[in-house]
Amino acid sequence: AIPVAVGAGGVGTNAGGNKGADSVFGTLTSIGGGRGTGNGQISNANGGSGGGDSYYATTGGVKFGLGVVGQGNDGGASSNYGPPYPAAGGGGAGSKGGDATATVAGVGGTGLYYGDKFGDTFGANGWFAGGGGGGLGSSGNIANIGIGQAGGGTGGCTSTTNGTAALANTGSGGGGSGQSGTYGGTGGSGIVIVRYYGPQIADGGTVTSVDGYTIHTFTSGTATFTPLDL
């Protein structure tokens, strides 16, 4: 039996959020995403993909949310901009998070498309692991918030609008908070998908068939993938 664990998404807070948990299949580990750097808190900003910088987090061109090579990409950078205090987007599996400009928050990094292998019913129409969008720290044009990718959450705006949560089982990032007192969106939980060609030869998870392949899908908690004694 091969152990399986599906990581939960990091819970959004008003102080930078929490890092996402790892997902595991046997000896393979998909590293949970880093958190955004709200309120100057930069610990746990690194992850499989890095969290985006808040408007004052980047110093000397150094951004704090770094990704892991082979797993994801860095979060975007911001640079002590004034109102509306735009934050950067979180990194995604396909690209780094978008940098903030003086007036526009960064978009989330792009995800990766696996709908051709698993079907568009999984993830966000087949897309996984996109970054969450950055928020605006004070009143500003709502059109300038950061947009999440591949099911990632959109950033908040002003002191009353929270960032939105990512879609469950996408591994994507939640949207950044608008300002102290509002909350960032919770990150999307992970997913473990096992695919092989032909009829079912193992137990575990939810079993479906797509284009002649058998697919085992695990969407929460811990479980096992067990080859059958045929």
Foldseek 3Di string as FASTA:
>chain_A
DWKWAWWFFWAKDLAFTQWICWTDTHPDIQKTEFTEHHPNNQPRQEICWGAWYWQDNDDPNDTRTAHDPPRWGYEAYHHNADPQRAIWKITWRAGYTAHADNAAHTAKHEFDFDCVPVNLVAFPRRTATIIAWIAGQAADDPVRWYHIYRQEWTAFAHLPGEIAEGAAQRSYYWHHYRHRNHITYTYHIHKDKDKDAADDFWDAADWDDDPRIIMHIDRHGMDHIGGHPD
